[in-house]
Protein backbone atom coordinates (compact mmCIF):
# COMPACT_ATOMS: atom_id res chain seq x y z
CA MET A 1 0.01 0.00 -0.01
CA THR A 2 2.82 2.47 0.74
CA ILE A 3 4.29 1.94 -2.73
CA VAL A 4 0.97 2.93 -4.31
CA LEU A 5 0.78 6.06 -2.13
CA LYS A 6 4.35 7.02 -2.96
CA LEU A 7 3.64 6.50 -6.66
CA LEU A 8 0.50 8.65 -6.47
CA LEU A 9 2.38 11.37 -4.56
CA ALA A 10 5.18 11.36 -7.13
CA LEU A 11 2.64 11.52 -9.94
CA CYS A 12 0.81 14.48 -8.31
CA VAL A 13 4.05 16.37 -7.68
CA SER A 14 5.19 15.74 -11.25
CA LEU A 15 1.85 16.88 -12.64
CA VAL A 16 1.75 20.08 -10.59
CA LEU A 17 5.40 20.89 -11.31
CA GLY A 18 5.03 20.20 -15.04
CA LEU A 19 1.86 22.26 -15.43
CA GLY A 20 3.28 25.07 -13.31
CA MET A 21 6.48 25.29 -15.33
CA SER A 22 4.50 25.20 -18.60
CA PHE A 23 2.24 28.02 -17.37
CA TYR A 24 5.30 30.04 -16.33
CA ALA A 25 7.05 29.46 -19.68
CA LEU A 26 3.97 30.49 -21.68
CA ASN A 27 3.62 33.76 -19.75
CA GLN A 28 7.26 34.94 -20.02
CA GLY A 29 7.49 36.14 -23.62
CA TYR A 30 8.03 34.00 -26.69
CA GLY A 31 10.31 31.29 -25.39
CA PHE A 32 14.02 31.16 -26.05
CA GLY A 33 16.26 33.40 -28.15
CA ALA A 34 15.30 36.74 -26.60
CA ILE A 35 17.67 39.63 -27.28
CA GLN A 36 17.71 42.41 -24.69
CA LEU A 37 18.50 45.93 -25.92
CA GLY A 38 18.13 48.34 -23.02
CA ALA A 39 14.44 48.37 -22.06
CA TRP A 40 13.47 46.63 -25.31
CA THR A 41 13.30 42.86 -25.89
CA ALA A 42 13.11 41.16 -29.29
CA TRP A 43 12.51 37.55 -30.26
CA PRO A 44 13.82 37.53 -33.84
CA ARG A 45 12.93 33.91 -34.58
CA THR A 46 9.29 34.17 -33.49
CA GLY A 47 7.92 34.67 -37.01
CA SER A 48 10.24 32.14 -38.65
CA PRO A 49 9.72 28.47 -39.47
CA ASP A 50 12.41 27.52 -36.93
CA ALA A 51 10.65 29.20 -33.96
CA ASP A 52 11.03 27.19 -30.76
CA PRO A 53 8.07 25.14 -29.39
CA TYR A 54 7.40 27.61 -26.57
CA ALA A 55 7.07 30.51 -29.02
CA ARG A 56 4.68 28.45 -31.13
CA ALA A 57 2.63 27.59 -28.04
CA VAL A 58 2.42 31.24 -26.97
CA LEU A 59 1.32 32.28 -30.46
CA ALA A 60 -1.23 29.47 -30.67
CA ARG A 61 -2.66 30.44 -27.28
CA SER A 62 -2.87 34.17 -28.02
CA GLY A 63 -3.90 33.94 -31.68
CA GLU A 64 -1.29 36.59 -32.53
CA ILE A 65 0.22 36.61 -35.99
CA PRO A 66 3.88 37.65 -35.65
CA LEU A 67 5.85 39.56 -38.24
CA GLY A 68 7.54 37.14 -40.63
CA LEU A 69 11.27 37.08 -41.37
CA GLY A 70 10.96 39.38 -44.38
CA GLU A 71 8.31 41.64 -42.84
CA GLY A 72 10.04 43.21 -39.89
CA LEU A 73 10.78 42.98 -36.20
CA SER A 74 8.80 43.55 -32.99
CA LEU A 75 10.41 44.92 -29.85
CA ILE A 76 8.58 44.91 -26.51
CA ALA A 77 9.22 47.02 -23.42
CA ARG A 78 7.71 46.03 -20.08
CA ARG A 79 10.18 48.14 -18.07
CA ASP A 80 11.77 51.56 -18.39
CA ASP A 81 15.50 52.05 -18.94
CA SER A 82 16.09 52.03 -15.17
CA GLY A 83 14.60 48.53 -14.96
CA ARG A 84 11.36 49.58 -13.24
CA GLU A 85 8.09 47.99 -14.38
CA LEU A 86 5.99 50.32 -16.56
CA SER A 87 3.19 51.65 -14.35
CA PRO A 88 -0.07 53.23 -15.52
CA SER A 89 0.12 55.71 -12.62
CA CYS A 90 3.42 57.14 -13.91
CA SER A 91 4.28 59.35 -16.87
CA TYR A 92 7.08 58.43 -19.28
CA LEU A 93 9.23 60.16 -21.85
CA ILE A 94 10.21 58.09 -24.89
CA LYS A 95 12.91 59.85 -26.82
CA GLY A 96 15.66 59.21 -29.34
CA HIS A 97 15.52 57.66 -32.75
CA VAL A 98 14.25 54.46 -34.30
CA PRO A 99 16.45 52.06 -36.33
CA LYS A 100 16.18 52.34 -40.10
CA ALA A 101 12.97 50.85 -41.40
CA ARG A 102 10.54 51.60 -44.22
CA ALA A 103 7.92 52.28 -41.56
CA TRP A 104 7.42 51.74 -37.82
CA SER A 105 4.72 51.93 -35.19
CA LEU A 106 4.84 52.39 -31.43
CA ILE A 107 1.70 51.18 -29.64
CA LEU A 108 0.38 50.68 -26.12
CA THR A 109 -1.03 47.26 -25.36
CA ASP A 110 -2.22 45.53 -22.23
CA GLN A 111 -0.30 42.61 -20.72
CA GLN A 112 -2.06 40.17 -23.10
CA GLY A 113 -1.09 42.16 -26.23
CA ARG A 114 -4.46 43.79 -26.90
CA LEU A 115 -4.59 47.48 -27.87
CA ILE A 116 -5.54 49.76 -25.00
CA ALA A 117 -8.73 51.69 -25.73
CA THR A 118 -8.55 55.38 -24.85
CA ASP A 119 -11.04 58.23 -24.90
CA LEU A 120 -9.04 59.81 -27.73
CA GLY A 121 -9.13 56.66 -29.84
CA ARG A 122 -5.33 56.67 -30.17
CA SER A 123 -3.20 53.86 -28.81
CA GLY A 124 -0.03 54.55 -30.75
CA PHE A 125 1.93 56.49 -33.36
CA THR A 126 3.35 55.56 -36.73
CA SER A 127 6.42 56.88 -38.48
CA ALA A 128 4.17 58.81 -40.86
CA GLU A 129 2.40 60.87 -38.19
CA VAL A 130 4.81 61.43 -35.31
CA VAL A 131 6.31 64.91 -34.97
CA ARG A 132 10.14 64.93 -34.85
CA ASP A 133 12.74 67.57 -33.99
CA GLU A 134 15.30 69.08 -36.38
CA GLU A 135 17.67 66.12 -35.94
CA ASN A 136 14.89 63.59 -36.77
CA ASN A 137 14.61 62.41 -33.14
CA LEU A 138 11.22 61.65 -31.66
CA THR A 139 9.78 62.60 -28.32
CA ILE A 140 6.63 60.83 -27.16
CA ARG A 141 5.05 61.23 -23.75
CA VAL A 142 2.92 58.53 -22.13
CA ALA A 143 0.78 59.93 -19.31
CA ARG A 144 -2.71 60.26 -17.88
CA GLU A 145 -2.70 64.03 -18.14
CA VAL A 146 -2.71 65.92 -21.44
CA ARG A 147 0.80 66.74 -22.69
CA SER A 148 1.94 68.90 -25.57
CA GLY A 149 3.46 67.28 -28.64
CA ASN A 150 3.29 63.55 -29.20
CA TRP A 151 1.15 62.23 -26.33
CA LEU A 152 -0.30 58.78 -25.64
CA ALA A 153 -2.98 58.60 -22.96
CA VAL A 154 -3.15 55.90 -20.31
CA ASP A 155 -6.07 55.54 -17.92
CA GLY A 156 -3.99 55.19 -14.77
CA GLN A 157 -5.31 51.70 -14.00
CA THR A 158 -4.58 49.34 -16.91
CA PRO A 159 -1.01 47.99 -16.85
CA PHE A 160 0.57 48.57 -20.25
CA VAL A 161 3.37 47.38 -22.49
CA LEU A 162 5.10 49.36 -25.26
CA VAL A 163 5.45 47.58 -28.61
CA LEU A 164 7.76 48.99 -31.29
CA LYS A 165 7.32 47.34 -34.69
CA LEU A 166 9.87 47.94 -37.42
CA TYR A 167 8.52 47.10 -40.87
CA ASP A 168 10.77 46.14 -43.77
CA THR A 169 13.99 46.71 -41.90
CA ILE A 170 17.52 45.47 -42.40
CA THR A 171 17.86 45.39 -38.62
CA ARG A 172 16.28 41.95 -38.45
CA SER A 173 19.01 40.34 -40.52
CA ASN A 174 21.75 42.10 -38.55
CA LEU A 175 20.29 42.22 -35.03
CA SER A 176 23.68 41.61 -33.44
CA ALA A 177 24.86 45.00 -34.72
CA LEU A 178 21.98 46.78 -33.00
CA GLU A 179 22.89 48.58 -29.78
CA PRO A 180 20.60 49.85 -26.99
CA ALA A 181 21.57 53.40 -28.05
CA ASP A 182 19.95 52.72 -31.47
CA LEU A 183 16.51 52.49 -29.85
CA PRO A 184 14.36 55.06 -28.05
CA VAL A 185 15.02 55.58 -24.35
CA ILE A 186 12.13 55.12 -21.93
CA GLN A 187 12.44 57.45 -18.91
CA ARG A 188 10.04 57.66 -15.99
CA GLU A 189 9.17 61.31 -15.33
CA SER A 190 6.80 61.25 -12.37
CA CYS A 191 4.25 59.08 -10.58
CA THR A 192 1.02 59.88 -8.80
């Protein structure tokens, strides 16, 4: 009888541990092969045929269609450049320049990757509509309160993620040459 109980206990522990680790792996990005560039993280193989099984499972679960190898690259920021989690009760300054691409977009999503609905109906900017300075650098503010210039509104309650998508870019084929300084900086300004 004790052998049966030990076997059942081992089976239960294995089941809980296996399911727990699978849940953890599916909620931590797109599996293996992440490249960290300052606050931004990219998974360059996610849209390729040789994506790892965890990336495929995350995509199957979310229903997301990633950018393919020849289409571009997605970069995700869940933290600012100081390493602090992005908070909806704080305001942020995103400044600098974007790597060369035919087009790009910077959007706010929730933790599950869905666009955040705002009263203004704007959850992001594209390269065609953002206002830049004389040196072609961008400055975007993310805050609850109205800001001058390029401003993205957050409601102060919904946790958000920044997603930078580079379309038709040579950066994807030469990601190792990309430096954190080549991407916009995310600075926390104030919190309420």
